[in-house]
Amino acid sequence: MASGGWRWLRGLRAVGQPLFQGRALLVTNTLGCGTLMAAGDGVRQSWELRARPGQKFDPRRSASMFAVGCSMGPFLHYWYLWLDHLLPASGLSGLRNVLRKVLIDQLVASPLLGIWYFLGIGCLEGQTLDESCQELRDKFWEFYKADWCVWPAAQLVNFLFVPTQFRVTYINGLTLGWDTYLSYLKYRLHSRVRSSWAYDNLQTTAGGWGAGHRQREDPARLLFDVTSARSLLHLSPKTEFNHQTVALAHHGPAKRLADPTTSHHPTACPGVSSGPLFKTGNC
């Protein structure tokens, strides 16, 4: 049984060895990067499907991850060849050069790949350059801090013990978990930020109604889509409707907003309750 397993492993090695030689190595590294990045997104989406019943798997999202991963493959292929040529090192005897390579990789390749990732995915998903750059500014430092927590140790092992032709494959093997994190970082706030913006916009344009409504409802339930908000209310900061118009439409003519500039009745009126929206005495 054991001898059969060893024969199977030797046969697998014989079949796979040509993939890591000559020009085939570039193809292997390129497809490996794309495949593992798409797989990481698949893992992330499977978690989202369990957490959010009704959400559907998005194959275009995984395809975008695959395309960006494939575009990074050639860079990583030649990057490691260049580092080994610049700073040759063999085992612990070359530890000084190994540490230099780790530092150069963190200061040059890591930020470059982070920029590449966010701009590339944004381009494939139809974002404008300004939108992609804004997302990069919002998320880059979180990405880069996480990168420093994971990759220096992984690259130390890579440069110390892994042969040059297997370095990209080694990195690809580790990046399944990392690519899952990248997918999370890219897509985690997409709908939440958009909905929060819509809610804030409503508070700006219908401030009186929103102030009272927040006391009765959980803010988390008030998040809704930008397009739905616009089509429902047709409001903007420059709209002709003022706060009192919105309040009257919502509560009826019997009650008015607590706006000092519109209050003309100082005496209290029976039957009209006071509250954060209404001033006691407005009949």
Protein backbone atom coordinates (compact mmCIF):
# COMPACT_ATOMS: atom_id res chain seq x y z
CA MET A 1 0.00 0.00 0.00
CA ALA A 2 2.78 2.41 0.95
CA SER A 3 4.86 1.46 -2.09
CA GLY A 4 1.83 2.10 -4.31
CA GLY A 5 1.44 5.57 -2.82
CA TRP A 6 5.08 6.40 -3.47
CA ARG A 7 4.74 5.22 -7.07
CA TRP A 8 1.72 7.46 -7.50
CA LEU A 9 3.62 10.46 -6.14
CA ARG A 10 6.61 9.77 -8.39
CA GLY A 11 4.29 9.52 -11.38
CA LEU A 12 2.62 12.80 -10.45
CA ARG A 13 6.01 14.47 -10.12
CA ALA A 14 7.07 13.15 -13.52
CA VAL A 15 3.92 14.56 -15.11
CA GLY A 16 4.13 17.94 -13.35
CA GLN A 17 7.85 18.56 -13.64
CA PRO A 18 7.70 19.91 -17.23
CA LEU A 19 5.27 22.58 -16.02
CA PHE A 20 8.06 24.13 -13.95
CA GLN A 21 10.72 24.26 -16.63
CA GLY A 22 11.51 26.72 -19.41
CA ARG A 23 8.68 28.72 -20.92
CA ALA A 24 6.06 26.49 -19.34
CA LEU A 25 7.00 27.94 -15.95
CA LEU A 26 5.69 31.38 -16.95
CA VAL A 27 2.35 29.88 -18.02
CA THR A 28 2.14 27.81 -14.83
CA ASN A 29 2.81 30.83 -12.64
CA THR A 30 0.32 33.00 -14.55
CA LEU A 31 -2.57 30.52 -14.47
CA GLY A 32 -1.76 29.58 -10.90
CA CYS A 33 -2.09 33.18 -9.72
CA GLY A 34 -5.42 33.63 -11.51
CA THR A 35 -6.85 30.31 -10.35
CA LEU A 36 -5.96 30.81 -6.69
CA MET A 37 -7.30 34.36 -6.66
CA ALA A 38 -10.61 33.19 -8.15
CA ALA A 39 -10.70 30.33 -5.64
CA GLY A 40 -10.18 32.77 -2.78
CA ASP A 41 -13.12 34.84 -4.01
CA GLY A 42 -15.18 31.65 -4.31
CA VAL A 43 -14.47 30.83 -0.66
CA ARG A 44 -15.47 34.34 0.35
CA GLN A 45 -18.69 34.22 -1.69
CA SER A 46 -19.64 30.85 -0.22
CA TRP A 47 -19.39 32.41 3.24
CA GLU A 48 -21.53 35.35 2.11
CA LEU A 49 -24.18 32.99 0.71
CA ARG A 50 -24.48 31.28 4.09
CA ALA A 51 -24.57 34.58 5.97
CA ARG A 52 -27.06 36.28 3.62
CA PRO A 53 -29.84 33.94 2.46
CA GLY A 54 -31.15 34.95 -0.94
CA GLN A 55 -27.86 36.31 -2.26
CA LYS A 56 -26.67 34.62 -5.44
CA PHE A 57 -23.17 33.61 -6.45
CA ASP A 58 -21.60 36.23 -8.73
CA PRO A 59 -19.45 34.52 -11.38
CA ARG A 60 -18.41 37.85 -12.92
CA ARG A 61 -16.84 38.86 -9.64
CA SER A 62 -14.75 35.67 -9.56
CA ALA A 63 -13.89 36.16 -13.23
CA SER A 64 -12.56 39.64 -12.43
CA MET A 65 -10.42 38.18 -9.66
CA PHE A 66 -9.12 35.52 -12.06
CA ALA A 67 -8.21 38.13 -14.68
CA VAL A 68 -6.37 40.35 -12.21
CA GLY A 69 -4.57 37.33 -10.76
CA CYS A 70 -3.41 36.25 -14.22
CA SER A 71 -2.13 39.76 -14.89
CA MET A 72 -0.02 39.58 -11.72
CA GLY A 73 1.49 36.18 -12.59
CA PRO A 74 4.11 37.39 -15.10
CA PHE A 75 5.16 40.20 -12.77
CA LEU A 76 5.77 37.78 -9.89
CA HIS A 77 7.55 35.34 -12.21
CA TYR A 78 10.14 37.90 -13.32
CA TRP A 79 10.25 39.67 -9.97
CA TYR A 80 11.63 36.63 -8.15
CA LEU A 81 14.09 35.90 -10.95
CA TRP A 82 15.35 39.48 -10.70
CA LEU A 83 15.66 39.36 -6.89
CA ASP A 84 17.65 36.12 -7.04
CA HIS A 85 19.95 37.63 -9.65
CA LEU A 86 20.37 40.85 -7.67
CA LEU A 87 20.89 39.23 -4.26
CA PRO A 88 21.96 35.60 -4.62
CA ALA A 89 21.57 33.63 -1.42
CA SER A 90 21.70 29.96 -0.45
CA GLY A 91 20.24 28.81 2.86
CA LEU A 92 21.19 30.30 6.20
CA SER A 93 24.67 31.20 4.96
CA GLY A 94 23.08 33.91 2.84
CA LEU A 95 20.71 35.16 5.54
CA ARG A 96 21.77 38.79 5.12
CA ASN A 97 20.79 38.81 1.44
CA VAL A 98 17.59 36.91 2.25
CA LEU A 99 16.56 39.61 4.72
CA ARG A 100 17.34 42.26 2.14
CA LYS A 101 15.12 40.50 -0.38
CA VAL A 102 12.28 40.30 2.13
CA LEU A 103 12.59 44.03 2.84
CA ILE A 104 12.70 44.96 -0.86
CA ASP A 105 9.70 42.75 -1.53
CA GLN A 106 7.70 44.44 1.21
CA LEU A 107 8.66 47.98 0.23
CA VAL A 108 8.30 47.59 -3.54
CA ALA A 109 6.25 44.59 -4.65
CA SER A 110 3.61 44.59 -1.90
CA PRO A 111 2.35 48.18 -2.31
CA LEU A 112 2.56 47.88 -6.09
CA LEU A 113 0.43 44.73 -6.08
CA GLY A 114 -2.08 46.37 -3.75
CA ILE A 115 -2.50 49.32 -6.11
CA TRP A 116 -2.67 46.91 -9.04
CA TYR A 117 -5.41 44.91 -7.33
CA PHE A 118 -7.78 47.75 -6.46
CA LEU A 119 -7.37 49.63 -9.74
CA GLY A 120 -7.58 46.44 -11.82
CA ILE A 121 -10.75 45.13 -10.16
CA GLY A 122 -12.31 48.58 -10.32
CA CYS A 123 -11.59 48.86 -14.05
CA LEU A 124 -13.09 45.44 -14.78
CA GLU A 125 -16.21 46.25 -12.76
CA GLY A 126 -16.86 49.54 -14.53
CA GLN A 127 -15.68 51.97 -11.88
CA THR A 128 -14.31 55.31 -13.00
CA LEU A 129 -10.67 56.06 -12.28
CA ASP A 130 -11.71 58.57 -9.61
CA GLU A 131 -13.89 55.97 -7.88
CA SER A 132 -11.13 53.37 -7.95
CA CYS A 133 -8.58 55.86 -6.61
CA GLN A 134 -10.94 56.84 -3.80
CA GLU A 135 -11.42 53.20 -2.86
CA LEU A 136 -7.66 52.73 -2.93
CA ARG A 137 -7.19 55.66 -0.56
CA ASP A 138 -9.86 54.27 1.77
CA LYS A 139 -8.56 50.71 1.95
CA PHE A 140 -4.88 50.71 1.03
CA TRP A 141 -3.41 51.22 4.50
CA GLU A 142 -5.55 48.49 6.00
CA PHE A 143 -4.37 46.19 3.22
CA TYR A 144 -0.72 47.16 3.69
CA LYS A 145 -0.76 46.70 7.47
CA ALA A 146 -2.26 43.23 7.06
CA ASP A 147 0.38 42.49 4.42
CA TRP A 148 3.17 43.24 6.91
CA CYS A 149 1.57 40.86 9.41
CA VAL A 150 1.51 37.93 6.96
CA TRP A 151 4.12 38.09 4.22
CA PRO A 152 7.52 38.87 5.76
CA ALA A 153 7.59 35.52 7.58
CA ALA A 154 6.22 33.69 4.53
CA GLN A 155 8.80 35.29 2.25
CA LEU A 156 11.59 34.51 4.68
CA VAL A 157 10.79 30.81 4.28
CA ASN A 158 10.39 31.31 0.53
CA PHE A 159 13.81 32.89 0.00
CA LEU A 160 15.57 30.56 2.43
CA PHE A 161 14.33 27.14 1.40
CA VAL A 162 12.20 27.19 -1.79
CA PRO A 163 13.95 26.73 -5.17
CA THR A 164 13.52 29.64 -7.57
CA GLN A 165 11.25 27.80 -10.03
CA PHE A 166 8.78 26.92 -7.27
CA ARG A 167 8.59 30.29 -5.54
CA VAL A 168 5.49 31.61 -7.29
CA THR A 169 3.76 28.26 -6.75
CA TYR A 170 4.65 28.41 -3.06
CA ILE A 171 3.21 31.91 -2.83
CA ASN A 172 0.10 30.83 -4.73
CA GLY A 173 -0.45 28.01 -2.26
CA LEU A 174 -0.38 30.45 0.66
CA THR A 175 -2.51 33.06 -1.06
CA LEU A 176 -5.74 31.07 -0.98
CA GLY A 177 -6.38 32.46 2.48
CA TRP A 178 -4.89 35.85 1.57
CA ASP A 179 -7.03 36.14 -1.57
CA THR A 180 -10.10 35.36 0.53
CA TYR A 181 -9.15 38.34 2.68
CA LEU A 182 -8.61 40.53 -0.41
CA SER A 183 -12.09 39.62 -1.66
CA TYR A 184 -13.52 40.51 1.75
CA LEU A 185 -11.65 43.82 1.80
CA LYS A 186 -12.84 44.72 -1.68
CA TYR A 187 -16.51 43.83 -1.32
CA ARG A 188 -17.35 44.04 2.39
CA LEU A 189 -18.57 47.67 2.46
CA HIS A 190 -19.93 47.99 -1.06
CA SER A 191 -23.64 47.87 -0.28
CA ARG A 192 -23.34 49.22 3.28
CA VAL A 193 -21.54 52.41 2.29
CA ARG A 194 -23.92 53.04 -0.58
CA SER A 195 -26.97 52.58 1.66
CA SER A 196 -25.51 54.67 4.46
CA TRP A 197 -24.90 57.51 2.01
CA ALA A 198 -28.53 57.37 0.94
CA TYR A 199 -29.71 57.46 4.54
CA ASP A 200 -27.48 60.43 5.38
CA ASN A 201 -28.73 62.23 2.28
CA LEU A 202 -32.30 61.74 3.44
CA GLN A 203 -31.44 63.13 6.87
CA THR A 204 -29.97 66.24 5.23
CA THR A 205 -32.98 66.89 3.02
CA ALA A 206 -35.74 65.86 5.43
CA GLY A 207 -34.07 66.61 8.75
CA GLY A 208 -37.19 67.10 10.86
CA TRP A 209 -38.81 63.84 9.84
CA GLY A 210 -35.56 61.90 10.16
CA ALA A 211 -34.78 63.17 13.67
CA GLY A 212 -38.03 61.85 15.09
CA HIS A 213 -38.02 58.69 13.06
CA ARG A 214 -34.60 57.68 14.40
CA GLN A 215 -36.02 57.59 17.92
CA ARG A 216 -38.62 55.01 16.96
CA GLU A 217 -36.64 52.84 14.58
CA ASP A 218 -33.31 51.03 14.73
CA PRO A 219 -30.91 52.94 12.43
CA ALA A 220 -29.75 49.65 10.94
CA ARG A 221 -33.23 49.12 9.54
CA LEU A 222 -33.29 52.50 7.86
CA LEU A 223 -30.49 51.74 5.38
CA PHE A 224 -31.75 51.53 1.83
CA ASP A 225 -30.51 51.79 -1.73
CA VAL A 226 -29.55 55.16 -3.24
CA THR A 227 -31.63 54.65 -6.34
CA SER A 228 -34.69 53.67 -4.32
CA ALA A 229 -34.33 56.74 -2.13
CA ARG A 230 -34.08 59.09 -5.07
CA SER A 231 -36.97 57.55 -6.96
CA LEU A 232 -39.18 57.51 -3.85
CA LEU A 233 -38.63 61.04 -2.53
CA HIS A 234 -37.10 62.97 -5.44
CA LEU A 235 -35.28 65.09 -2.88
CA SER A 236 -31.90 66.81 -2.96
CA PRO A 237 -30.28 69.57 -0.88
CA LYS A 238 -31.42 72.09 -3.51
CA THR A 239 -35.03 70.86 -3.82
CA GLU A 240 -37.90 73.33 -3.62
CA PHE A 241 -39.46 71.41 -0.70
CA ASN A 242 -38.48 72.55 2.77
CA HIS A 243 -38.43 70.61 6.00
CA GLN A 244 -41.95 71.67 6.96
CA THR A 245 -43.37 70.38 3.67
CA VAL A 246 -41.86 66.96 4.28
CA ALA A 247 -43.20 66.87 7.83
CA LEU A 248 -46.71 67.88 6.75
CA ALA A 249 -46.72 65.22 4.07
CA HIS A 250 -45.70 62.60 6.62
CA HIS A 251 -47.75 63.62 9.67
CA GLY A 252 -50.65 65.58 8.22
CA PRO A 253 -51.67 69.25 8.61
CA ALA A 254 -52.63 68.79 12.28
CA LYS A 255 -48.99 68.82 13.37
CA ARG A 256 -46.11 71.07 12.43
CA LEU A 257 -42.35 70.98 12.83
CA ALA A 258 -40.67 72.50 15.87
CA ASP A 259 -39.05 75.26 13.86
CA PRO A 260 -38.69 78.50 15.84
CA THR A 261 -39.03 80.52 12.63
CA THR A 262 -42.45 79.03 11.88
CA SER A 263 -43.90 78.89 15.40
CA HIS A 264 -46.57 81.58 16.04
CA HIS A 265 -48.64 80.14 18.92
CA PRO A 266 -46.97 80.30 22.33
CA THR A 267 -49.88 78.76 24.21
CA ALA A 268 -50.24 75.04 24.68
CA CYS A 269 -52.98 73.18 22.85
CA PRO A 270 -54.71 70.23 24.48
CA GLY A 271 -54.51 67.00 22.60
CA VAL A 272 -51.27 67.78 20.84
CA SER A 273 -48.40 65.87 22.42
CA SER A 274 -44.92 67.27 22.59
CA GLY A 275 -41.97 65.44 21.15
CA PRO A 276 -38.67 65.89 19.37
CA LEU A 277 -40.45 66.81 16.14
CA PHE A 278 -43.26 69.02 17.38
CA LYS A 279 -43.42 72.05 19.62
CA THR A 280 -46.12 72.02 22.26
CA GLY A 281 -48.49 74.84 21.55
CA ASN A 282 -48.54 74.68 17.73
CA CYS A 283 -52.24 74.35 16.94
